[in-house]
Amino acid sequence: MIINEIQDEIIEEFELFDDWEGKYEYIIDLGKKLPKLSDEHKNEDNIIKGCQSIVWLHAYKQDGKLHFEADSEAIIVKGLVSMLVKVMTNHTPEEILESDLYFIDKIGLASHLAQTRSNGLASMVKQMRSYAVAYSSL
């Protein structure tokens, strides 16, 4: 699937909920389903700067495509990063750098998150794009 197809899928999933209480519960469920990050990747180098909660992000390149693994101690944040992992994983660095992550606005995250969480989400996206830049030259 291309990045936009995955984003459209997430948008459709969120359209099933009438209110933000249901959407928050869904985000929490997504976080619970995120595969656990191995302890070896839960280190200082993988902590995303700019997040209020601790968020670890590990990236690696395989067969020309980037793969992301993440975790957080905060369950809502874990759900947020799980959506980014779903959208960005298994794409080339170039695809990631050229992508427009419109799903964040379309599902209303930007307007329903506290400022600190919104800043943290932006930091997660920035870090994933930084990995894409770094891996594009490898």
Protein backbone atom coordinates (compact mmCIF):
# COMPACT_ATOMS: atom_id res chain seq x y z
CA MET A 1 0.00 0.00 0.00
CA ILE A 2 1.17 3.50 -0.67
CA ILE A 3 1.31 6.08 2.12
CA ASN A 4 -1.86 7.89 1.03
CA GLU A 5 -3.85 4.64 0.94
CA ILE A 6 -2.82 3.89 4.52
CA GLN A 7 -3.75 7.41 5.59
CA ASP A 8 -7.15 7.08 3.89
CA GLU A 9 -7.70 3.79 5.71
CA ILE A 10 -6.99 5.48 9.07
CA ILE A 11 -9.36 8.34 8.19
CA GLU A 12 -12.11 5.82 7.37
CA GLU A 13 -11.55 4.01 10.67
CA PHE A 14 -11.92 7.28 12.61
CA GLU A 15 -15.11 8.18 10.71
CA LEU A 16 -16.78 5.22 12.47
CA PHE A 17 -16.77 7.18 15.73
CA ASP A 18 -19.29 9.91 16.50
CA ASP A 19 -17.36 11.61 19.28
CA TRP A 20 -13.88 12.11 20.61
CA GLU A 21 -14.41 9.79 23.55
CA GLY A 22 -14.69 6.90 21.08
CA LYS A 23 -11.74 8.15 19.08
CA TYR A 24 -9.55 8.36 22.19
CA GLU A 25 -10.55 4.81 23.14
CA TYR A 26 -9.60 3.69 19.64
CA ILE A 27 -6.21 5.45 19.90
CA ILE A 28 -5.64 3.66 23.23
CA ASP A 29 -6.54 0.32 21.59
CA LEU A 30 -4.06 1.02 18.78
CA GLY A 31 -1.38 1.65 21.40
CA LYS A 32 -2.16 -1.64 23.13
CA LYS A 33 -1.75 -3.48 19.81
CA LEU A 34 1.62 -1.89 19.00
CA PRO A 35 4.27 -4.61 19.18
CA LYS A 36 6.58 -4.20 22.16
CA LEU A 37 9.91 -2.56 21.46
CA SER A 38 12.81 -4.70 22.59
CA ASP A 39 14.70 -3.42 25.62
CA GLU A 40 17.89 -3.06 23.57
CA HIS A 41 16.19 -0.28 21.58
CA LYS A 42 14.85 1.50 24.66
CA ASN A 43 17.93 3.65 25.05
CA GLU A 44 18.80 7.33 25.22
CA ASP A 45 19.66 7.51 21.50
CA ASN A 46 16.15 6.40 20.52
CA ILE A 47 14.23 8.82 22.75
CA ILE A 48 12.39 11.46 20.71
CA LYS A 49 13.26 14.94 21.89
CA GLY A 50 10.32 17.31 22.26
CA CYS A 51 7.82 14.82 23.64
CA GLN A 52 6.40 15.32 27.12
CA SER A 53 6.21 11.54 27.58
CA ILE A 54 9.09 9.21 26.85
CA VAL A 55 8.83 7.89 23.30
CA TRP A 56 11.39 5.53 21.83
CA LEU A 57 11.71 5.26 18.06
CA HIS A 58 13.95 2.74 16.35
CA ALA A 59 14.44 2.74 12.59
CA TYR A 60 16.23 0.39 10.23
CA LYS A 61 16.45 -0.08 6.48
CA GLN A 62 15.73 -3.40 4.85
CA ASP A 63 15.48 -4.06 1.12
CA GLY A 64 15.56 -0.31 0.42
CA LYS A 65 12.62 0.45 2.72
CA LEU A 66 12.50 1.96 6.19
CA HIS A 67 10.92 0.16 9.10
CA PHE A 68 9.99 1.83 12.35
CA GLU A 69 9.44 0.36 15.79
CA ALA A 70 8.27 2.49 18.69
CA ASP A 71 7.04 2.46 22.25
CA SER A 72 5.96 4.88 24.94
CA GLU A 73 5.07 4.72 28.59
CA ALA A 74 1.99 6.89 27.95
CA ILE A 75 -0.85 4.87 26.41
CA ILE A 76 -2.36 7.71 24.31
CA VAL A 77 1.09 8.62 22.99
CA LYS A 78 1.73 4.96 22.22
CA GLY A 79 -1.46 4.99 20.12
CA LEU A 80 -0.39 8.14 18.31
CA VAL A 81 3.04 6.79 17.46
CA SER A 82 1.47 3.48 16.36
CA MET A 83 -0.46 5.35 13.65
CA LEU A 84 2.73 7.03 12.43
CA VAL A 85 4.53 3.68 12.40
CA LYS A 86 1.67 2.18 10.37
CA VAL A 87 1.80 5.02 7.83
CA MET A 88 5.58 5.33 7.47
CA THR A 89 6.84 1.74 7.77
CA ASN A 90 7.80 -0.25 4.69
CA HIS A 91 8.35 2.76 2.43
CA THR A 92 11.49 4.14 0.84
CA PRO A 93 13.13 7.17 2.44
CA GLU A 94 12.13 9.19 -0.62
CA GLU A 95 8.46 8.21 -0.29
CA ILE A 96 8.52 9.24 3.38
CA LEU A 97 10.17 12.58 2.62
CA GLU A 98 7.72 13.35 -0.18
CA SER A 99 4.64 12.39 1.83
CA ASP A 100 2.05 14.82 3.10
CA LEU A 101 0.69 13.47 6.38
CA TYR A 102 -2.81 14.82 5.93
CA PHE A 103 -4.48 12.18 8.10
CA ILE A 104 -3.44 14.05 11.25
CA ASP A 105 -5.63 17.03 10.34
CA LYS A 106 -8.38 14.99 8.66
CA ILE A 107 -9.12 12.94 11.79
CA GLY A 108 -8.92 16.06 13.95
CA LEU A 109 -5.84 15.23 16.00
CA ALA A 110 -4.33 18.67 15.62
CA SER A 111 -7.39 20.34 17.13
CA HIS A 112 -8.18 17.76 19.84
CA LEU A 113 -4.76 17.16 21.37
CA ALA A 114 -3.34 19.25 24.17
CA GLN A 115 -0.58 21.58 22.96
CA THR A 116 2.13 19.44 24.55
CA ARG A 117 0.82 16.27 22.85
CA SER A 118 0.49 18.12 19.56
CA ASN A 119 4.11 19.27 19.87
CA GLY A 120 5.13 15.71 20.69
CA LEU A 121 3.34 14.39 17.62
CA ALA A 122 5.18 16.94 15.47
CA SER A 123 8.46 15.81 17.07
CA MET A 124 7.68 12.19 16.19
CA VAL A 125 7.03 13.10 12.55
CA LYS A 126 10.20 15.21 12.46
CA GLN A 127 12.29 12.33 13.85
CA MET A 128 10.87 9.87 11.31
CA ARG A 129 11.67 12.29 8.50
CA SER A 130 15.18 12.74 9.94
CA TYR A 131 15.69 8.99 9.77
CA ALA A 132 14.48 9.08 6.15
CA VAL A 133 17.06 11.76 5.34
CA ALA A 134 19.82 9.79 7.05
CA TYR A 135 18.90 6.50 5.35
CA SER A 136 18.36 8.03 1.91
CA SER A 137 22.10 8.30 1.48
CA LEU A 138 22.78 4.68 2.47
